[in-house]
């Protein structure tokens, strides 16, 4: 059990070629701001393509970076 409610960090995500915020709650849930912005199932301009024609490749809940940050913050190995 952790003694905090929520923690966050901002990183540069290569998958979406932009800065995203990783958010971890003390109960073990984790979210990434890039998923909402770059979700390719939604019809947002950001999700369609980045300048230069590169399409974002957000992994959503299965993102290894998000999982690693969550595990680090919760003290899991």
C-alpha atoms as a PDB file:
ATOM      1  CA  UNK A   1       0.000   0.000   0.000  1.00  0.00           C
ATOM      2  CA  UNK A   2       1.300   3.461  -0.867  1.00  0.00           C
ATOM      3  CA  UNK A   3       0.887   6.589   1.240  1.00  0.00           C
ATOM      4  CA  UNK A   4      -0.019   8.940  -1.624  1.00  0.00           C
ATOM      5  CA  UNK A   5      -3.133   9.394  -3.769  1.00  0.00           C
ATOM      6  CA  UNK A   6      -1.770  10.327  -7.181  1.00  0.00           C
ATOM      7  CA  UNK A   7       1.533  11.055  -8.872  1.00  0.00           C
ATOM      8  CA  UNK A   8       2.368  12.217 -12.373  1.00  0.00           C
ATOM      9  CA  UNK A   9       5.290  12.918 -14.637  1.00  0.00           C
ATOM     10  CA  UNK A  10       5.634  14.430 -18.083  1.00  0.00           C
ATOM     11  CA  UNK A  11       7.814  12.641 -20.615  1.00  0.00           C
ATOM     12  CA  UNK A  12       8.511  12.783 -24.327  1.00  0.00           C
ATOM     13  CA  UNK A  13       6.727   9.836 -25.937  1.00  0.00           C
ATOM     14  CA  UNK A  14       8.359   8.598 -29.126  1.00  0.00           C
ATOM     15  CA  UNK A  15       5.215   6.673 -30.117  1.00  0.00           C
ATOM     16  CA  UNK A  16       3.197   9.876 -30.530  1.00  0.00           C
ATOM     17  CA  UNK A  17       6.148  12.244 -31.051  1.00  0.00           C
ATOM     18  CA  UNK A  18       4.924  14.602 -28.329  1.00  0.00           C
ATOM     19  CA  UNK A  19       5.056  15.225 -24.594  1.00  0.00           C
ATOM     20  CA  UNK A  20       2.541  13.246 -22.530  1.00  0.00           C
ATOM     21  CA  UNK A  21       1.705  13.059 -18.841  1.00  0.00           C
ATOM     22  CA  UNK A  22       1.697   9.698 -17.098  1.00  0.00           C
ATOM     23  CA  UNK A  23      -0.666   9.592 -14.094  1.00  0.00           C
ATOM     24  CA  UNK A  24      -0.648   6.852 -11.461  1.00  0.00           C
ATOM     25  CA  UNK A  25      -3.164   6.581  -8.633  1.00  0.00           C
ATOM     26  CA  UNK A  26      -2.340   4.982  -5.298  1.00  0.00           C
ATOM     27  CA  UNK A  27      -4.906   2.265  -6.050  1.00  0.00           C
ATOM     28  CA  UNK A  28      -2.795   1.078  -9.016  1.00  0.00           C
ATOM     29  CA  UNK A  29      -4.643   2.615 -11.947  1.00  0.00           C
ATOM     30  CA  UNK A  30      -2.562   4.390 -14.573  1.00  0.00           C
ATOM     31  CA  UNK A  31      -3.453   6.772 -17.402  1.00  0.00           C
ATOM     32  CA  UNK A  32      -1.595   8.634 -20.111  1.00  0.00           C
ATOM     33  CA  UNK A  33      -2.672  11.977 -21.556  1.00  0.00           C
ATOM     34  CA  UNK A  34      -1.421  10.839 -24.961  1.00  0.00           C
ATOM     35  CA  UNK A  35      -4.043   8.135 -25.201  1.00  0.00           C
ATOM     36  CA  UNK A  36      -6.916  10.594 -25.149  1.00  0.00           C
ATOM     37  CA  UNK A  37      -5.199  13.038 -27.494  1.00  0.00           C
ATOM     38  CA  UNK A  38      -3.813  10.496 -29.957  1.00  0.00           C
ATOM     39  CA  UNK A  39      -6.407   7.712 -29.815  1.00  0.00           C
ATOM     40  CA  UNK A  40      -6.588   6.603 -33.439  1.00  0.00           C
ATOM     41  CA  UNK A  41     -10.167   5.332 -33.007  1.00  0.00           C
ATOM     42  CA  UNK A  42     -11.371   8.897 -32.418  1.00  0.00           C
ATOM     43  CA  UNK A  43     -11.710  11.512 -35.110  1.00  0.00           C
ATOM     44  CA  UNK A  44      -9.457  14.158 -33.635  1.00  0.00           C
ATOM     45  CA  UNK A  45      -7.011  16.004 -35.900  1.00  0.00           C
ATOM     46  CA  UNK A  46      -4.123  14.989 -33.608  1.00  0.00           C
ATOM     47  CA  UNK A  47      -5.010  11.311 -33.970  1.00  0.00           C
ATOM     48  CA  UNK A  48      -5.034  11.376 -37.748  1.00  0.00           C
ATOM     49  CA  UNK A  49      -1.429  12.342 -38.378  1.00  0.00           C
ATOM     50  CA  UNK A  50       1.444  14.464 -37.209  1.00  0.00           C
ATOM     51  CA  UNK A  51       3.285  16.973 -39.390  1.00  0.00           C
ATOM     52  CA  UNK A  52       5.306  15.068 -41.954  1.00  0.00           C
ATOM     53  CA  UNK A  53       2.587  12.446 -42.410  1.00  0.00           C
ATOM     54  CA  UNK A  54       3.620  10.248 -39.453  1.00  0.00           C
ATOM     55  CA  UNK A  55       0.623   8.615 -37.764  1.00  0.00           C
ATOM     56  CA  UNK A  56       0.793   8.347 -33.946  1.00  0.00           C
ATOM     57  CA  UNK A  57       1.277   4.800 -32.639  1.00  0.00           C
ATOM     58  CA  UNK A  58      -0.178   5.028 -29.122  1.00  0.00           C
ATOM     59  CA  UNK A  59      -0.306   1.653 -27.348  1.00  0.00           C
ATOM     60  CA  UNK A  60      -2.936   2.775 -24.826  1.00  0.00           C
ATOM     61  CA  UNK A  61      -3.221   0.574 -21.730  1.00  0.00           C
ATOM     62  CA  UNK A  62      -0.555  -1.834 -23.020  1.00  0.00           C
ATOM     63  CA  UNK A  63       2.133   0.876 -23.246  1.00  0.00           C
ATOM     64  CA  UNK A  64       5.368  -0.472 -21.733  1.00  0.00           C
ATOM     65  CA  UNK A  65       6.453   3.004 -20.609  1.00  0.00           C
ATOM     66  CA  UNK A  66       3.198   3.530 -18.703  1.00  0.00           C
ATOM     67  CA  UNK A  67       3.437   0.075 -17.113  1.00  0.00           C
ATOM     68  CA  UNK A  68       7.064   0.655 -16.102  1.00  0.00           C
ATOM     69  CA  UNK A  69       6.252   4.019 -14.490  1.00  0.00           C
ATOM     70  CA  UNK A  70       3.257   2.536 -12.654  1.00  0.00           C
ATOM     71  CA  UNK A  71       5.315  -0.382 -11.341  1.00  0.00           C
ATOM     72  CA  UNK A  72       8.129   1.931 -10.294  1.00  0.00           C
ATOM     73  CA  UNK A  73       5.781   4.214  -8.394  1.00  0.00           C
ATOM     74  CA  UNK A  74       3.986   1.332  -6.694  1.00  0.00           C
ATOM     75  CA  UNK A  75       7.270  -0.386  -5.796  1.00  0.00           C
ATOM     76  CA  UNK A  76       6.589  -3.530  -7.817  1.00  0.00           C
ATOM     77  CA  UNK A  77       9.328  -5.520  -9.508  1.00  0.00           C
END
